[in-house]
Amino acid sequence: MELKCGIIGLPNVGKSTLFNALTNSNVNASNYPFCTIEPNIKIINIPDKKLEILSKIVQSKKITPSTIKFVDIAGLIKGASEGHGLGNKFLGNIIEMNAIIHVVRFFDDINILKLHNNNPIDDINIINNEIIKFDINLCIKKIKYLSIKNNFQKNFKNINLLNKCLNKLKEKKLLNTINFNIKELNSLNKIKLLTIKPMIIIANINENKLYNKLYLNQLKLISKKYKTIKICVKLTSIKFNKLQNYYLNKIIIASFNLLNLNVFYTVGKKETKSWSIIKGTIAIEAAKKIHSDIKRGFIRAKVINYNDYIFYKNENKLKLAGKIRLEGKNYIINNGDIIHFLFKV
């Protein structure tokens, strides 16, 4: 599946600068509100050491990693859910995302325009409140639509689920903090609620470290509630050293992991490739990801554990050691599996 990660936040918090650093781009990141109007989009490769190691073992001519699409979305202001600023455009763009990177400013700088007081927790709450309001309105509309007399019994479960969501949203809770089962999550994702989307907070800190004790304390509070990555966004764009490269890769991998994905590999002389799938995917559905014909003519899957593969480095040795398994269509793919699908059409 293609992972689309939206970079959001208030105006002038470093969204476009982070986008430039992550994607090696040069989009406009000027110091004024709504510098970004139309989303900036770029697809980049997911760093994957396992893929590189496998490719070296078989000496592949081509390496094809999994990818992630980053989208730099216009800044949000208070009242966006009521159409203020670029609110409708902003919220509409988030609908299309699978995951959210929320950039929050954790420093003072008189040279950078700020529309609100310097309080990161307040800034986070502004964004959260707007997407919560959007979801409340969406839930009310969906419940009304599903409650039509002829459809009420048919849609009873979905109406109950939406009422549960509505109650949580009115308590100012994001739906991504609620434990839903897989069926419920699938239903809510189809409705395109915003607060159900997994989220990372990027704490944009000062290049001279967190010298402000107040910000440090606020960051500790936020880290207890959200998955948080601390990074100086400005520094990543002007001083691209190994340390900053490490942090950028950390953001990329964390974004990829937000969707609870696994990776399996196909290995060969021509190409070694990684394939991203949702955790719990069975072999026949993974086969479809490569090609519909493989699913249609599926016979079985030849599966090798990654650690076994790099230890023996040779399929003949793996076979002699009994490390190659033949699995059926209902086999659940494990993260890191090396798979060769056997099929006939």
Protein backbone atom coordinates (compact mmCIF):
# COMPACT_ATOMS: atom_id res chain seq x y z
CA MET A 1 0.00 0.00 0.00
CA GLU A 2 1.12 3.56 -0.61
CA LEU A 3 1.71 5.47 2.61
CA LYS A 4 0.75 9.14 2.40
CA CYS A 5 2.00 11.18 5.34
CA GLY A 6 0.69 14.73 5.75
CA ILE A 7 2.87 17.36 7.45
CA ILE A 8 0.57 19.70 9.37
CA GLY A 9 0.75 22.47 11.97
CA LEU A 10 0.11 26.15 12.61
CA PRO A 11 1.62 28.70 10.17
CA ASN A 12 5.40 29.31 10.45
CA VAL A 13 6.28 26.33 12.66
CA GLY A 14 8.72 24.71 10.19
CA LYS A 15 6.48 22.40 8.11
CA SER A 16 7.92 23.32 4.71
CA THR A 17 11.48 23.40 6.07
CA LEU A 18 11.00 19.87 7.42
CA PHE A 19 9.48 18.78 4.09
CA ASN A 20 12.54 20.16 2.28
CA ALA A 21 14.90 18.31 4.63
CA LEU A 22 13.02 15.00 4.44
CA THR A 23 12.62 15.01 0.65
CA ASN A 24 15.73 16.97 -0.40
CA SER A 25 13.44 19.57 -2.00
CA ASN A 26 13.49 23.33 -2.23
CA VAL A 27 9.89 24.46 -1.81
CA ASN A 28 9.12 27.97 -0.57
CA ALA A 29 9.48 28.21 3.22
CA SER A 30 9.17 31.99 3.65
CA ASN A 31 8.38 33.72 6.93
CA TYR A 32 4.72 34.66 6.43
CA PRO A 33 1.37 32.92 7.05
CA PHE A 34 0.04 30.56 4.35
CA CYS A 35 3.30 30.54 2.41
CA THR A 36 2.12 27.06 1.40
CA ILE A 37 -1.31 26.97 -0.25
CA GLU A 38 -1.31 24.02 -2.64
CA PRO A 39 0.24 20.92 -1.05
CA ASN A 40 3.85 20.08 -1.91
CA ILE A 41 4.24 16.36 -2.64
CA LYS A 42 7.24 14.06 -3.02
CA ILE A 43 7.79 10.29 -2.86
CA ILE A 44 10.95 9.04 -1.18
CA ASN A 45 12.48 5.65 -0.40
CA ILE A 46 12.27 4.04 3.04
CA PRO A 47 15.77 3.41 4.50
CA ASP A 48 16.11 -0.37 4.83
CA LYS A 49 19.40 -2.03 5.89
CA LYS A 50 17.91 -5.51 5.50
CA LEU A 51 17.16 -4.82 1.83
CA GLU A 52 20.75 -3.67 1.24
CA ILE A 53 22.19 -6.76 2.97
CA LEU A 54 19.98 -9.15 0.99
CA SER A 55 20.91 -7.43 -2.26
CA LYS A 56 24.63 -7.80 -1.53
CA ILE A 57 24.25 -11.50 -0.75
CA VAL A 58 22.62 -12.29 -4.12
CA GLN A 59 24.41 -9.45 -5.99
CA SER A 60 21.17 -8.04 -7.43
CA LYS A 61 21.35 -5.72 -10.41
CA LYS A 62 18.49 -3.63 -9.01
CA ILE A 63 17.28 -2.68 -5.51
CA THR A 64 13.68 -1.49 -5.07
CA PRO A 65 12.76 -0.26 -1.56
CA SER A 66 9.32 0.56 -0.21
CA THR A 67 8.33 4.21 -0.52
CA ILE A 68 6.50 6.91 1.41
CA LYS A 69 4.75 9.99 0.04
CA PHE A 70 5.21 13.17 2.09
CA VAL A 71 2.70 15.99 1.66
CA ASP A 72 3.39 19.52 2.97
CA ILE A 73 -0.07 20.92 3.85
CA ALA A 74 -1.08 24.57 4.34
CA GLY A 75 -0.95 25.98 7.88
CA LEU A 76 -4.04 25.79 10.05
CA ILE A 77 -5.51 28.54 12.22
CA LYS A 78 -8.16 28.55 14.93
CA GLY A 79 -11.60 28.34 13.33
CA ALA A 80 -10.46 26.26 10.36
CA SER A 81 -13.34 23.80 10.84
CA GLU A 82 -15.66 26.78 10.30
CA GLY A 83 -13.82 27.82 7.12
CA HIS A 84 -11.43 30.44 8.56
CA GLY A 85 -8.08 30.95 6.83
CA LEU A 86 -7.42 28.04 4.49
CA GLY A 87 -9.35 25.75 6.83
CA ASN A 88 -11.53 23.92 4.32
CA LYS A 89 -8.58 23.33 1.99
CA PHE A 90 -6.35 22.26 4.90
CA LEU A 91 -8.87 19.77 6.32
CA GLY A 92 -9.73 18.45 2.87
CA ASN A 93 -6.06 17.67 2.25
CA ILE A 94 -5.74 15.79 5.55
CA ILE A 95 -8.66 13.53 4.57
CA GLU A 96 -6.49 11.96 1.85
CA MET A 97 -3.62 11.15 4.25
CA ASN A 98 -2.98 7.79 5.93
CA ALA A 99 -0.92 9.31 8.74
CA ILE A 100 -0.12 12.76 10.18
CA ILE A 101 3.14 14.45 11.16
CA HIS A 102 2.25 17.42 13.38
CA VAL A 103 5.08 19.98 13.60
CA VAL A 104 5.03 22.07 16.80
CA ARG A 105 7.27 25.03 17.61
CA PHE A 106 9.29 24.62 20.84
CA PHE A 107 11.41 27.77 20.73
CA ASP A 108 11.29 31.58 20.72
CA ASP A 109 12.53 33.59 17.75
CA ILE A 110 11.57 37.24 17.29
CA ASN A 111 12.54 36.97 13.62
CA ILE A 112 9.89 34.33 12.88
CA LEU A 113 6.30 35.53 12.73
CA LYS A 114 3.95 33.70 15.09
CA LEU A 115 0.18 34.10 15.11
CA HIS A 116 -0.26 32.76 18.66
CA ASN A 117 1.45 32.90 22.06
CA ASN A 118 4.52 30.69 22.42
CA ASN A 119 2.86 27.74 24.13
CA PRO A 120 3.35 24.37 22.40
CA ILE A 121 0.55 22.67 24.36
CA ASP A 122 -1.90 25.40 23.29
CA ASP A 123 -0.68 25.02 19.70
CA ILE A 124 -1.31 21.28 19.76
CA ASN A 125 -4.76 21.83 21.24
CA ILE A 126 -5.67 24.32 18.48
CA ILE A 127 -4.98 21.70 15.82
CA ASN A 128 -6.65 18.91 17.82
CA ASN A 129 -9.76 20.98 18.49
CA GLU A 130 -10.20 21.79 14.80
CA ILE A 131 -9.92 18.19 13.62
CA ILE A 132 -12.18 17.09 16.51
CA LYS A 133 -14.85 19.62 15.41
CA PHE A 134 -14.54 18.36 11.84
CA ASP A 135 -15.08 14.76 13.01
CA ILE A 136 -18.03 15.70 15.24
CA ASN A 137 -19.80 17.27 12.27
CA LEU A 138 -18.95 14.29 10.07
CA CYS A 139 -20.23 11.78 12.66
CA ILE A 140 -23.51 13.69 13.05
CA LYS A 141 -24.04 13.75 9.27
CA LYS A 142 -23.24 10.03 8.93
CA ILE A 143 -25.51 9.04 11.82
CA LYS A 144 -28.34 11.08 10.31
CA TYR A 145 -27.81 9.46 6.92
CA LEU A 146 -27.61 5.91 8.31
CA SER A 147 -30.65 6.44 10.56
CA ILE A 148 -33.07 6.79 7.66
CA LYS A 149 -36.06 4.60 8.52
CA ASN A 150 -35.48 1.93 5.86
CA ASN A 151 -31.79 1.55 6.69
CA PHE A 152 -31.73 1.78 10.49
CA GLN A 153 -31.71 -1.97 11.24
CA LYS A 154 -29.21 -2.67 8.47
CA ASN A 155 -26.82 0.02 9.77
CA PHE A 156 -27.40 -0.53 13.49
CA LYS A 157 -23.78 -1.57 14.25
CA ASN A 158 -22.28 1.36 12.33
CA ILE A 159 -24.66 3.82 14.02
CA ASN A 160 -23.64 2.50 17.44
CA LEU A 161 -19.97 2.78 16.49
CA LEU A 162 -20.42 6.37 15.30
CA ASN A 163 -22.31 7.29 18.48
CA LYS A 164 -19.41 5.86 20.49
CA CYS A 165 -17.02 8.03 18.44
CA LEU A 166 -19.24 11.08 18.88
CA ASN A 167 -19.24 10.71 22.67
CA LYS A 168 -15.43 10.40 22.76
CA LEU A 169 -14.98 13.40 20.46
CA LYS A 170 -17.25 15.52 22.64
CA GLU A 171 -14.92 14.62 25.53
CA LYS A 172 -12.10 16.20 23.41
CA LYS A 173 -10.48 12.80 22.81
CA LEU A 174 -8.77 11.92 19.53
CA LEU A 175 -10.12 8.67 18.09
CA ASN A 176 -6.57 7.38 17.52
CA THR A 177 -6.28 7.11 21.33
CA ILE A 178 -9.27 4.72 21.55
CA ASN A 179 -8.88 0.93 21.29
CA PHE A 180 -11.02 -0.14 18.35
CA ASN A 181 -10.97 -3.65 16.88
CA ILE A 182 -9.84 -4.23 13.28
CA LYS A 183 -13.38 -4.25 11.83
CA GLU A 184 -14.23 -1.00 13.60
CA LEU A 185 -11.00 0.64 12.39
CA ASN A 186 -11.70 -0.40 8.81
CA SER A 187 -15.21 1.09 9.01
CA LEU A 188 -13.97 4.37 10.51
CA ASN A 189 -11.17 4.70 7.94
CA LYS A 190 -13.73 4.36 5.14
CA ILE A 191 -15.67 7.26 6.64
CA LYS A 192 -12.44 9.32 6.44
CA LEU A 193 -12.45 10.67 9.98
CA LEU A 194 -9.40 12.82 10.73
CA THR A 195 -8.74 11.99 14.38
CA ILE A 196 -8.58 8.23 13.66
CA LYS A 197 -5.37 8.77 11.66
CA PRO A 198 -2.14 7.84 13.49
CA MET A 199 -0.03 10.87 14.43
CA ILE A 200 3.53 11.83 15.38
CA ILE A 201 4.43 15.12 17.07
CA ILE A 202 7.65 16.68 15.73
CA ALA A 203 9.02 19.00 18.44
CA ASN A 204 10.87 21.70 16.49
CA ILE A 205 13.51 22.85 18.97
CA ASN A 206 16.05 25.67 19.04
CA GLU A 207 19.43 24.97 17.38
CA ASN A 208 21.15 25.91 20.67
CA LYS A 209 19.35 23.03 22.42
CA LEU A 210 16.39 23.30 24.74
CA TYR A 211 17.76 26.10 26.88
CA ASN A 212 14.28 27.08 28.02
CA LYS A 213 13.21 24.98 31.03
CA LEU A 214 9.52 25.74 30.38
CA TYR A 215 9.73 24.20 26.89
CA LEU A 216 11.63 21.21 28.25
CA ASN A 217 8.90 20.56 30.83
CA GLN A 218 6.19 20.94 28.19
CA LEU A 219 7.98 18.49 25.93
CA LYS A 220 8.09 15.92 28.74
CA LEU A 221 4.35 16.32 29.27
CA ILE A 222 3.60 15.92 25.56
CA SER A 223 5.89 12.89 25.23
CA LYS A 224 3.76 11.03 27.79
CA LYS A 225 0.67 11.47 25.63
CA TYR A 226 1.99 11.39 22.04
CA LYS A 227 4.72 9.70 20.06
CA THR A 228 7.22 12.57 19.88
CA ILE A 229 10.47 13.13 17.97
CA LYS A 230 12.69 16.05 19.02
CA ILE A 231 14.64 17.73 16.21
CA CYS A 232 15.88 21.15 15.14
CA VAL A 233 14.15 21.50 11.77
CA LYS A 234 16.22 24.55 10.82
CA LEU A 235 19.48 22.68 11.38
CA THR A 236 18.43 19.75 9.17
CA SER A 237 18.05 22.07 6.20
CA ILE A 238 21.37 23.93 6.54
CA LYS A 239 23.75 21.45 8.16
CA PHE A 240 23.02 18.01 6.76
CA ASN A 241 25.48 15.91 8.79
CA LYS A 242 25.34 12.28 9.92
CA LEU A 243 23.52 13.13 13.15
CA GLN A 244 20.77 15.04 11.37
CA ASN A 245 20.56 12.32 8.71
CA TYR A 246 19.94 9.89 11.58
CA TYR A 247 17.05 12.01 12.88
CA LEU A 248 15.51 12.42 9.43
CA ASN A 249 15.67 8.66 8.86
CA LYS A 250 14.09 8.22 12.28
CA ILE A 251 11.14 10.40 11.20
CA ILE A 252 10.79 8.54 7.89
CA ILE A 253 10.82 5.11 9.56
CA ALA A 254 8.47 6.27 12.36
CA SER A 255 6.06 7.58 9.71
CA PHE A 256 6.19 4.23 7.93
CA ASN A 257 5.58 2.35 11.19
CA LEU A 258 2.57 4.50 12.08
CA LEU A 259 0.32 2.37 9.89
CA ASN A 260 1.31 -0.88 11.60
CA LEU A 261 2.93 -2.26 8.46
CA ASN A 262 5.15 -5.26 7.84
CA VAL A 263 7.69 -5.73 5.06
CA PHE A 264 8.46 -8.88 3.09
CA TYR A 265 11.15 -9.34 0.44
CA THR A 266 11.51 -10.94 -2.96
CA VAL A 267 15.15 -11.72 -3.73
CA GLY A 268 16.89 -12.45 -7.03
CA LYS A 269 19.77 -11.65 -9.36
CA LYS A 270 17.65 -9.23 -11.40
CA GLU A 271 16.01 -7.42 -8.48
CA THR A 272 15.73 -7.48 -4.71
CA LYS A 273 12.58 -5.70 -3.58
CA SER A 274 10.72 -4.88 -0.37
CA TRP A 275 6.92 -4.94 -0.23
CA SER A 276 4.89 -3.17 2.46
CA ILE A 277 1.74 -4.88 3.74
CA ILE A 278 -0.62 -4.43 6.68
CA LYS A 279 0.27 -6.65 9.65
CA GLY A 280 -1.83 -9.81 9.56
CA THR A 281 -1.85 -10.05 5.75
CA ILE A 282 -2.07 -13.66 4.51
CA ALA A 283 0.10 -15.13 1.75
CA ILE A 284 -2.50 -15.05 -1.02
CA GLU A 285 -3.16 -11.32 -0.46
CA ALA A 286 0.57 -10.60 -0.36
CA ALA A 287 0.86 -12.45 -3.68
CA LYS A 288 -1.75 -10.11 -5.19
CA LYS A 289 0.42 -7.14 -4.25
CA ILE A 290 3.09 -8.41 -6.65
CA HIS A 291 0.65 -9.35 -9.43
CA SER A 292 -3.00 -10.40 -9.68
CA ASP A 293 -1.97 -13.45 -11.74
CA ILE A 294 0.15 -14.75 -8.85
CA LYS A 295 -2.90 -14.61 -6.58
CA ARG A 296 -5.12 -16.22 -9.21
CA GLY A 297 -2.74 -19.13 -9.81
CA PHE A 298 -1.39 -19.38 -6.24
CA ILE A 299 -0.02 -22.85 -5.36
CA ARG A 300 2.09 -22.18 -2.26
CA ALA A 301 4.69 -19.80 -0.83
CA LYS A 302 8.34 -20.72 -0.27
CA VAL A 303 9.29 -18.82 2.91
CA ILE A 304 12.70 -18.15 4.47
CA ASN A 305 13.33 -16.29 7.73
CA TYR A 306 15.55 -13.21 7.24
CA ASN A 307 18.07 -14.20 9.93
CA ASP A 308 18.39 -17.69 8.45
CA TYR A 309 18.94 -16.22 4.99
CA ILE A 310 21.82 -13.96 6.04
CA PHE A 311 23.38 -16.77 8.10
CA TYR A 312 23.43 -19.43 5.36
CA LYS A 313 23.58 -17.00 2.39
CA ASN A 314 22.70 -19.80 -0.02
CA GLU A 315 19.39 -21.52 -0.81
CA ASN A 316 21.03 -24.95 -1.16
CA LYS A 317 22.50 -24.63 2.34
CA LEU A 318 19.15 -23.34 3.63
CA LYS A 319 17.41 -26.36 2.13
CA LEU A 320 19.90 -28.82 3.65
CA ALA A 321 19.43 -27.11 7.04
CA GLY A 322 15.63 -27.40 6.73
CA LYS A 323 15.19 -23.63 6.84
CA ILE A 324 12.91 -23.31 3.79
CA ARG A 325 9.20 -23.71 4.55
CA LEU A 326 6.32 -24.29 2.16
CA GLU A 327 3.25 -22.38 3.32
CA GLY A 328 -0.36 -22.25 2.09
CA LYS A 329 -2.56 -19.32 1.10
CA ASN A 330 -3.63 -18.58 4.70
CA TYR A 331 -0.09 -18.24 6.07
CA ILE A 332 0.28 -14.89 7.91
CA ILE A 333 3.30 -13.00 6.57
CA ASN A 334 5.92 -12.16 9.21
CA ASN A 335 7.99 -9.00 9.10
CA GLY A 336 11.22 -9.68 7.18
CA ASP A 337 10.09 -12.87 5.46
CA ILE A 338 11.85 -13.68 2.17
CA ILE A 339 9.19 -15.19 -0.08
CA HIS A 340 9.05 -16.86 -3.47
CA PHE A 341 5.47 -17.45 -4.64
CA LEU A 342 4.82 -20.60 -6.64
CA PHE A 343 1.89 -20.24 -9.03
CA LYS A 344 0.40 -21.49 -12.29
CA VAL A 345 -1.95 -19.63 -14.66
